[in-house]
Amino acid sequence: MASTITLDASDLRKFMIDLMSAAGASDRNAECAADVHLDADLKGTGVQGFDYLPYTLKSLERGLIDGQAEPEIVSRKAATALIDGHRGLGQTAALAAADLAADIAGEAGSATVAVRNSTDIFMIGHYAERIARRGKIGIVVTSGPPLVHPHGGTEKLLSTNPIAFGFPRAGDDPYVFDMATSAVASSRVRQAAYEGGHLPEGSGRGPDGLPTTEAAAIRKGAISPLSGHKGFGLALSIGLLCGPLTGSGIGPELAGWQASGETHTQGHLFMAIDPAAFGDADAFVARSEWYFDVLRNSPKAPDLDGIRIPGERAAETRSRQLGSGVEVLTESWRNVRPFAERFGIAVPEAFTRADAAMPS
């Protein structure tokens, strides 16, 4: 089992803000990015949280991300809008897009907001949930650097191209479903490689083009699409929505994010649907809850741990960790430590204690 460090969520948030500010981000942009990363850590999906911070810090230092840039609405119509991210931190543009989509859906019944000239927005379920907390159905898709081979091929030409849904519920926490269209998320491959780990059969191919379960070999080769041709088609469709439709990069055009040199910027698409545009919004939620109960109370598979509605486990984990402290991988701290030392940033006590406990 991977080694972890537990620390107070507010300490982790401040540390991430301080690091990004030192790397060139404005206070507002650093706060937006830290909030998204922290939410991922709190939900137990830290592969999109603190563990990814070196990627952001390196991109700020390389000038791939303009830490001072602010997103701009460049066009708005009755049910659509286009935001230019000005190559800033993608989280700031994504939060603006989610809020604008919810606003427009409240007026027009539904909305589609595109973001162009952007950078990575990370855990897209965060934005679908944000729309759902406004009483709207949220759908978010994004693309990124090529990490996945096409069905029948071996070369990295597709991103993991995730899709997320958010639905309002009767309680405080929405239904949130966030998935990659690859056999396994790229961040899972990265973290498994920390410990020389293996992944399930069908996860990817090595640099020789042959199937492998070794995470390190998959990092040098390519991740496989989810369910063969089905995942390939879904990933390609999402890529077209985020790339050509928004006037952004697609596939190999985005390879520069993980290598040296220039690169295209990324695109994202945010959709919101107001249930009130099609009937009684409260009745929609009530009918949804009825169906969730039907599913939850149906016969259980003897070899699994029951039936959960998407978003419930993450909400429970977030609630627990807000009280007990948020866990991050020790290896994640090792990767961030050089930035803290170079920037002269004060380190949370939990990390200092962990360093003292490590063998010299």
Protein backbone atom coordinates (compact mmCIF):
# COMPACT_ATOMS: atom_id res chain seq x y z
CA MET A 1 0.00 0.00 0.00
CA ALA A 2 1.34 3.44 -0.95
CA SER A 3 2.63 5.64 1.86
CA THR A 4 0.51 8.73 2.64
CA ILE A 5 0.72 11.91 4.69
CA THR A 6 -2.33 13.38 6.45
CA LEU A 7 -2.66 17.13 6.93
CA ASP A 8 -5.32 19.76 7.49
CA ALA A 9 -7.18 20.70 4.31
CA SER A 10 -6.72 24.43 4.92
CA ASP A 11 -2.95 23.95 5.31
CA LEU A 12 -2.78 22.05 2.02
CA ARG A 13 -4.86 24.70 0.23
CA LYS A 14 -2.64 27.55 1.48
CA PHE A 15 0.52 25.64 0.53
CA MET A 16 -0.72 25.09 -3.02
CA ILE A 17 -1.73 28.76 -3.35
CA ASP A 18 1.68 29.90 -2.09
CA LEU A 19 3.50 27.63 -4.56
CA MET A 20 1.46 28.73 -7.58
CA SER A 21 1.77 32.40 -6.60
CA ALA A 22 5.54 32.00 -6.35
CA ALA A 23 5.53 30.40 -9.82
CA GLY A 24 3.77 33.45 -11.29
CA ALA A 25 0.03 33.01 -10.73
CA SER A 26 -2.19 35.86 -9.56
CA ASP A 27 -3.85 35.40 -6.17
CA ARG A 28 -7.27 34.76 -7.74
CA ASN A 29 -5.95 32.25 -10.27
CA ALA A 30 -3.93 30.41 -7.62
CA GLU A 31 -7.00 30.21 -5.38
CA CYS A 32 -9.21 28.87 -8.19
CA ALA A 33 -6.66 26.22 -9.11
CA ALA A 34 -6.03 25.22 -5.49
CA ASP A 35 -9.76 24.83 -4.82
CA VAL A 36 -10.14 22.36 -7.69
CA HIS A 37 -7.02 20.38 -6.71
CA LEU A 38 -8.09 20.32 -3.05
CA ASP A 39 -11.57 19.09 -3.93
CA ALA A 40 -9.98 16.18 -5.77
CA ASP A 41 -7.83 15.30 -2.75
CA LEU A 42 -10.78 15.59 -0.38
CA LYS A 43 -12.86 13.25 -2.54
CA GLY A 44 -10.11 10.64 -2.60
CA THR A 45 -9.27 11.29 -6.25
CA GLY A 46 -5.91 12.82 -5.46
CA VAL A 47 -4.62 11.81 -8.87
CA GLN A 48 -6.21 15.11 -9.95
CA GLY A 49 -5.12 16.97 -6.83
CA PHE A 50 -1.84 17.78 -5.09
CA ASP A 51 -0.11 15.02 -7.04
CA TYR A 52 -0.59 17.04 -10.25
CA LEU A 53 0.81 20.29 -8.85
CA PRO A 54 4.34 19.86 -10.33
CA TYR A 55 2.73 19.80 -13.80
CA THR A 56 1.12 23.20 -13.15
CA LEU A 57 4.24 24.70 -11.56
CA LYS A 58 6.46 23.55 -14.44
CA SER A 59 3.98 24.93 -17.00
CA LEU A 60 3.89 28.29 -15.22
CA GLU A 61 7.68 28.43 -15.17
CA ARG A 62 7.97 27.41 -18.82
CA GLY A 63 5.51 30.12 -19.84
CA LEU A 64 3.00 27.61 -21.22
CA ILE A 65 0.53 29.00 -18.69
CA ASP A 66 0.11 32.74 -18.15
CA GLY A 67 -0.53 32.90 -14.43
CA GLN A 68 -1.83 36.49 -14.64
CA ALA A 69 -4.34 35.93 -17.47
CA GLU A 70 -8.08 36.34 -16.91
CA PRO A 71 -10.76 34.57 -18.98
CA GLU A 72 -12.85 36.77 -21.28
CA ILE A 73 -16.34 36.26 -22.71
CA VAL A 74 -15.81 37.00 -26.41
CA SER A 75 -19.33 36.19 -27.63
CA ARG A 76 -22.71 35.45 -26.09
CA LYS A 77 -25.97 34.54 -27.76
CA ALA A 78 -29.32 33.33 -26.47
CA ALA A 79 -28.16 29.85 -25.52
CA THR A 80 -24.42 29.83 -26.21
CA ALA A 81 -21.25 31.62 -25.22
CA LEU A 82 -17.55 31.49 -26.03
CA ILE A 83 -14.82 32.20 -23.48
CA ASP A 84 -11.19 32.89 -24.33
CA GLY A 85 -8.95 31.55 -21.56
CA HIS A 86 -5.96 33.62 -22.76
CA ARG A 87 -3.71 30.64 -21.96
CA GLY A 88 -4.25 31.19 -18.25
CA LEU A 89 -4.85 28.60 -15.54
CA GLY A 90 -7.65 26.48 -16.94
CA GLN A 91 -9.48 26.16 -13.64
CA THR A 92 -10.31 29.88 -13.60
CA ALA A 93 -11.80 29.74 -17.11
CA ALA A 94 -13.65 26.51 -16.32
CA LEU A 95 -15.27 27.92 -13.19
CA ALA A 96 -16.39 30.96 -15.17
CA ALA A 97 -17.78 28.73 -17.92
CA ALA A 98 -19.70 26.53 -15.49
CA ASP A 99 -21.29 29.55 -13.83
CA LEU A 100 -22.13 31.17 -17.18
CA ALA A 101 -23.68 27.93 -18.47
CA ALA A 102 -25.91 27.73 -15.40
CA ASP A 103 -26.89 31.40 -15.82
CA ILE A 104 -27.79 31.02 -19.49
CA ALA A 105 -29.70 27.78 -18.88
CA GLY A 106 -31.80 29.60 -16.31
CA GLU A 107 -32.77 32.08 -19.02
CA ALA A 108 -32.93 29.94 -22.16
CA GLY A 109 -33.63 26.46 -20.75
CA SER A 110 -30.31 25.04 -21.91
CA ALA A 111 -26.83 26.36 -22.60
CA THR A 112 -23.56 25.42 -24.27
CA VAL A 113 -20.44 27.34 -23.33
CA ALA A 114 -17.15 26.69 -25.12
CA VAL A 115 -13.72 27.62 -23.78
CA ARG A 116 -10.81 28.09 -26.18
CA ASN A 117 -7.16 29.10 -25.76
CA SER A 118 -7.09 27.36 -22.39
CA THR A 119 -4.96 24.96 -20.36
CA ASP A 120 -5.81 21.86 -18.34
CA ILE A 121 -8.89 22.15 -16.09
CA PHE A 122 -8.24 18.86 -14.23
CA MET A 123 -11.14 17.16 -12.38
CA ILE A 124 -14.07 17.98 -14.66
CA GLY A 125 -16.58 16.47 -12.23
CA HIS A 126 -15.96 19.55 -10.07
CA TYR A 127 -17.55 21.76 -12.72
CA ALA A 128 -20.44 19.40 -13.48
CA GLU A 129 -21.15 19.36 -9.73
CA ARG A 130 -20.99 23.16 -9.62
CA ILE A 131 -23.67 23.37 -12.32
CA ALA A 132 -25.78 20.76 -10.52
CA ARG A 133 -25.60 22.75 -7.28
CA ARG A 134 -27.33 25.53 -9.24
CA GLY A 135 -30.27 23.19 -9.89
CA LYS A 136 -29.23 22.44 -13.48
CA ILE A 137 -27.99 19.27 -15.17
CA GLY A 138 -24.33 19.72 -16.05
CA ILE A 139 -22.35 17.98 -18.79
CA VAL A 140 -18.64 18.76 -19.21
CA VAL A 141 -16.10 17.40 -21.70
CA THR A 142 -12.43 18.20 -22.20
CA SER A 143 -9.37 17.08 -24.09
CA GLY A 144 -5.63 17.22 -23.49
CA PRO A 145 -2.21 15.86 -24.44
CA PRO A 146 -2.06 12.61 -26.45
CA LEU A 147 -1.69 9.59 -24.14
CA VAL A 148 -3.99 6.99 -25.70
CA HIS A 149 -3.58 4.88 -28.84
CA PRO A 150 -6.48 4.45 -31.30
CA HIS A 151 -8.20 1.08 -31.41
CA GLY A 152 -6.04 -1.08 -33.65
CA GLY A 153 -2.99 1.19 -33.31
CA THR A 154 -0.09 1.80 -30.93
CA GLU A 155 0.79 5.52 -31.18
CA LYS A 156 -0.33 8.15 -28.66
CA LEU A 157 -2.80 10.20 -30.69
CA LEU A 158 -5.78 10.70 -28.36
CA SER A 159 -6.16 12.20 -24.91
CA THR A 160 -8.01 10.37 -22.13
CA ASN A 161 -10.84 12.78 -23.10
CA PRO A 162 -13.09 12.57 -20.03
CA ILE A 163 -16.80 13.31 -19.71
CA ALA A 164 -18.66 14.29 -16.54
CA PHE A 165 -22.33 14.57 -15.61
CA GLY A 166 -23.88 16.39 -12.66
CA PHE A 167 -27.53 16.07 -11.61
CA PRO A 168 -29.27 17.98 -8.79
CA ARG A 169 -30.52 15.78 -5.95
CA ALA A 170 -32.85 16.20 -2.98
CA GLY A 171 -29.94 16.37 -0.52
CA ASP A 172 -26.89 18.61 -0.38
CA ASP A 173 -24.66 16.56 -2.66
CA PRO A 174 -25.45 16.15 -6.38
CA TYR A 175 -25.13 13.03 -8.50
CA VAL A 176 -21.69 13.31 -10.13
CA PHE A 177 -20.27 10.88 -12.67
CA ASP A 178 -16.80 11.62 -14.07
CA MET A 179 -14.99 9.15 -16.31
CA ALA A 180 -12.09 8.95 -18.73
CA THR A 181 -12.67 7.35 -22.13
CA SER A 182 -9.39 5.43 -21.74
CA ALA A 183 -9.07 2.01 -20.12
CA VAL A 184 -7.48 3.72 -17.11
CA ALA A 185 -6.94 7.37 -16.22
CA SER A 186 -3.48 8.72 -17.04
CA SER A 187 -2.95 9.82 -13.45
CA ARG A 188 -3.60 6.26 -12.25
CA VAL A 189 -0.83 5.09 -14.56
CA ARG A 190 1.49 7.80 -13.21
CA GLN A 191 0.84 6.92 -9.58
CA ALA A 192 1.13 3.18 -10.15
CA ALA A 193 4.53 3.79 -11.76
CA TYR A 194 5.75 5.49 -8.56
CA GLU A 195 5.84 2.11 -6.83
CA GLY A 196 6.74 0.02 -9.89
CA GLY A 197 3.15 -1.19 -9.93
CA HIS A 198 0.99 -3.08 -12.38
CA LEU A 199 -2.44 -2.28 -13.82
CA PRO A 200 -5.25 -4.57 -15.03
CA GLU A 201 -5.00 -6.44 -18.32
CA GLY A 202 -5.99 -4.23 -21.25
CA SER A 203 -4.74 -1.00 -19.64
CA GLY A 204 -2.14 -0.19 -22.26
CA ARG A 205 0.79 -1.04 -24.50
CA GLY A 206 4.52 -0.67 -24.00
CA PRO A 207 6.97 1.16 -26.28
CA ASP A 208 7.24 -2.04 -28.35
CA GLY A 209 3.51 -1.83 -29.15
CA LEU A 210 2.69 -5.01 -27.22
CA PRO A 211 0.08 -5.20 -24.42
CA THR A 212 1.52 -4.84 -20.91
CA THR A 213 0.33 -4.39 -17.35
CA GLU A 214 3.50 -2.58 -16.17
CA ALA A 215 2.62 1.04 -15.40
CA ALA A 216 6.13 2.29 -16.19
CA ALA A 217 6.05 0.59 -19.59
CA ILE A 218 2.61 2.05 -20.37
CA ARG A 219 3.95 5.52 -19.58
CA LYS A 220 6.60 4.98 -22.25
CA GLY A 221 4.07 3.45 -24.63
CA ALA A 222 0.38 4.34 -24.67
CA ILE A 223 -2.80 3.83 -22.65
CA SER A 224 -5.53 1.79 -24.36
CA PRO A 225 -9.00 3.15 -25.13
CA LEU A 226 -11.87 1.99 -22.91
CA SER A 227 -13.58 -1.13 -24.28
CA GLY A 228 -11.73 -1.08 -27.57
CA HIS A 229 -13.57 0.55 -30.45
CA LYS A 230 -16.30 1.91 -28.17
CA GLY A 231 -13.91 3.98 -26.08
CA PHE A 232 -12.01 5.00 -29.21
CA GLY A 233 -15.17 6.37 -30.81
CA LEU A 234 -16.23 8.15 -27.63
CA ALA A 235 -12.77 9.67 -27.14
CA LEU A 236 -12.63 10.82 -30.75
CA SER A 237 -16.09 12.40 -30.49
CA ILE A 238 -15.15 14.31 -27.36
CA GLY A 239 -11.89 15.38 -28.99
CA LEU A 240 -13.80 16.88 -31.90
CA LEU A 241 -16.10 18.79 -29.53
CA CYS A 242 -13.16 20.22 -27.60
CA GLY A 243 -10.68 20.74 -30.43
CA PRO A 244 -12.06 21.71 -33.87
CA LEU A 245 -15.37 23.01 -32.49
CA THR A 246 -13.68 25.45 -30.09
CA GLY A 247 -10.79 26.32 -32.38
CA SER A 248 -8.32 24.54 -30.10
CA GLY A 249 -5.66 21.87 -30.45
CA ILE A 250 -6.40 18.17 -30.78
CA GLY A 251 -4.30 15.01 -30.49
CA PRO A 252 -0.61 15.42 -31.36
CA GLU A 253 -1.01 19.21 -31.57
CA LEU A 254 -1.16 19.16 -27.75
CA ALA A 255 1.96 17.05 -27.23
CA GLY A 256 4.01 20.07 -26.19
CA TRP A 257 2.32 20.14 -22.79
CA GLN A 258 4.38 17.09 -21.83
CA ALA A 259 7.53 17.95 -23.78
CA SER A 260 9.67 20.97 -24.54
CA GLY A 261 8.71 23.53 -27.14
CA GLU A 262 5.54 25.27 -28.27
CA THR A 263 2.11 23.70 -28.14
CA HIS A 264 -1.49 24.44 -29.04
CA THR A 265 -3.91 25.43 -26.31
CA GLN A 266 -6.79 23.27 -25.09
CA GLY A 267 -10.56 23.56 -25.48
CA HIS A 268 -13.44 22.53 -23.24
CA LEU A 269 -17.22 22.38 -23.55
CA PHE A 270 -19.78 23.00 -20.78
CA MET A 271 -23.48 22.23 -21.12
CA ALA A 272 -26.31 23.00 -18.71
CA ILE A 273 -29.95 21.95 -18.86
CA ASP A 274 -32.65 23.46 -16.67
CA PRO A 275 -35.18 20.75 -15.67
CA ALA A 276 -37.76 23.52 -15.23
CA ALA A 277 -37.68 24.09 -19.00
CA PHE A 278 -39.30 20.68 -19.50
CA GLY A 279 -41.66 20.42 -16.53
CA ASP A 280 -41.59 20.60 -12.76
CA ALA A 281 -37.98 20.72 -11.52
CA ASP A 282 -38.94 19.33 -8.10
CA ALA A 283 -40.78 16.45 -9.75
CA PHE A 284 -37.68 15.68 -11.80
CA VAL A 285 -35.60 15.41 -8.64
CA ALA A 286 -38.26 13.33 -6.88
CA ARG A 287 -38.48 10.89 -9.80
CA SER A 288 -34.71 10.62 -9.88
CA GLU A 289 -34.59 9.84 -6.15
CA TRP A 290 -37.26 7.17 -6.62
CA TYR A 291 -35.15 5.49 -9.27
CA PHE A 292 -31.99 5.74 -7.15
CA ASP A 293 -33.87 3.91 -4.37
CA VAL A 294 -34.98 1.21 -6.81
CA LEU A 295 -31.39 0.70 -7.90
CA ARG A 296 -29.94 0.83 -4.38
CA ASN A 297 -32.47 -1.67 -3.01
CA SER A 298 -32.16 -4.17 -5.86
CA PRO A 299 -30.44 -7.58 -5.30
CA LYS A 300 -26.75 -7.22 -4.49
CA ALA A 301 -23.92 -9.08 -6.21
CA PRO A 302 -22.35 -11.39 -3.59
CA ASP A 303 -18.78 -10.57 -4.65
CA LEU A 304 -19.14 -6.75 -4.55
CA ASP A 305 -19.76 -4.19 -1.80
CA GLY A 306 -23.25 -3.06 -2.69
CA ILE A 307 -24.77 -0.43 -4.95
CA ARG A 308 -23.82 3.23 -4.73
CA ILE A 309 -25.19 6.13 -6.73
CA PRO A 310 -22.41 8.08 -8.49
CA GLY A 311 -21.05 10.86 -6.31
CA GLU A 312 -22.06 9.36 -2.96
CA ARG A 313 -18.73 7.77 -2.07
CA ALA A 314 -16.80 10.93 -3.02
CA ALA A 315 -19.15 13.11 -0.94
CA GLU A 316 -18.72 10.83 2.08
CA THR A 317 -14.93 10.84 1.68
CA ARG A 318 -14.86 14.64 1.41
CA SER A 319 -16.98 15.03 4.55
CA ARG A 320 -14.76 12.63 6.50
CA GLN A 321 -11.47 14.18 5.39
CA LEU A 322 -12.62 17.71 6.16
CA GLY A 323 -12.74 16.53 9.77
CA SER A 324 -9.89 14.04 10.00
CA GLY A 325 -7.43 15.57 7.53
CA VAL A 326 -6.75 15.00 3.85
CA GLU A 327 -4.39 12.25 2.71
CA VAL A 328 -1.78 12.83 -0.01
CA LEU A 329 0.83 10.42 -1.28
CA THR A 330 4.29 10.69 0.24
CA GLU A 331 5.65 10.41 -3.30
CA SER A 332 3.56 13.44 -4.28
CA TRP A 333 5.23 15.46 -1.53
CA ARG A 334 8.66 14.30 -2.71
CA ASN A 335 7.84 15.62 -6.19
CA VAL A 336 6.65 19.00 -4.85
CA ARG A 337 9.42 19.49 -2.26
CA PRO A 338 12.03 20.83 -4.77
CA PHE A 339 9.65 23.63 -5.77
CA ALA A 340 9.03 24.62 -2.14
CA GLU A 341 12.79 24.67 -1.47
CA ARG A 342 13.55 26.70 -4.59
CA PHE A 343 10.74 29.22 -3.99
CA GLY A 344 11.45 29.46 -0.25
CA ILE A 345 7.85 28.57 0.63
CA ALA A 346 6.92 27.66 4.22
CA VAL A 347 6.09 23.95 4.40
CA PRO A 348 3.10 22.54 6.36
CA GLU A 349 4.20 20.87 9.59
CA ALA A 350 2.83 17.51 8.47
CA PHE A 351 5.31 17.42 5.59
CA THR A 352 8.16 18.45 7.87
CA ARG A 353 7.29 15.63 10.27
CA ALA A 354 7.13 13.16 7.40
CA ASP A 355 10.59 14.22 6.23
CA ALA A 356 11.98 13.75 9.73
CA ALA A 357 10.51 10.24 9.90
CA MET A 358 11.98 9.17 6.56
CA PRO A 359 15.17 7.12 6.63
CA SER A 360 18.21 9.22 5.72
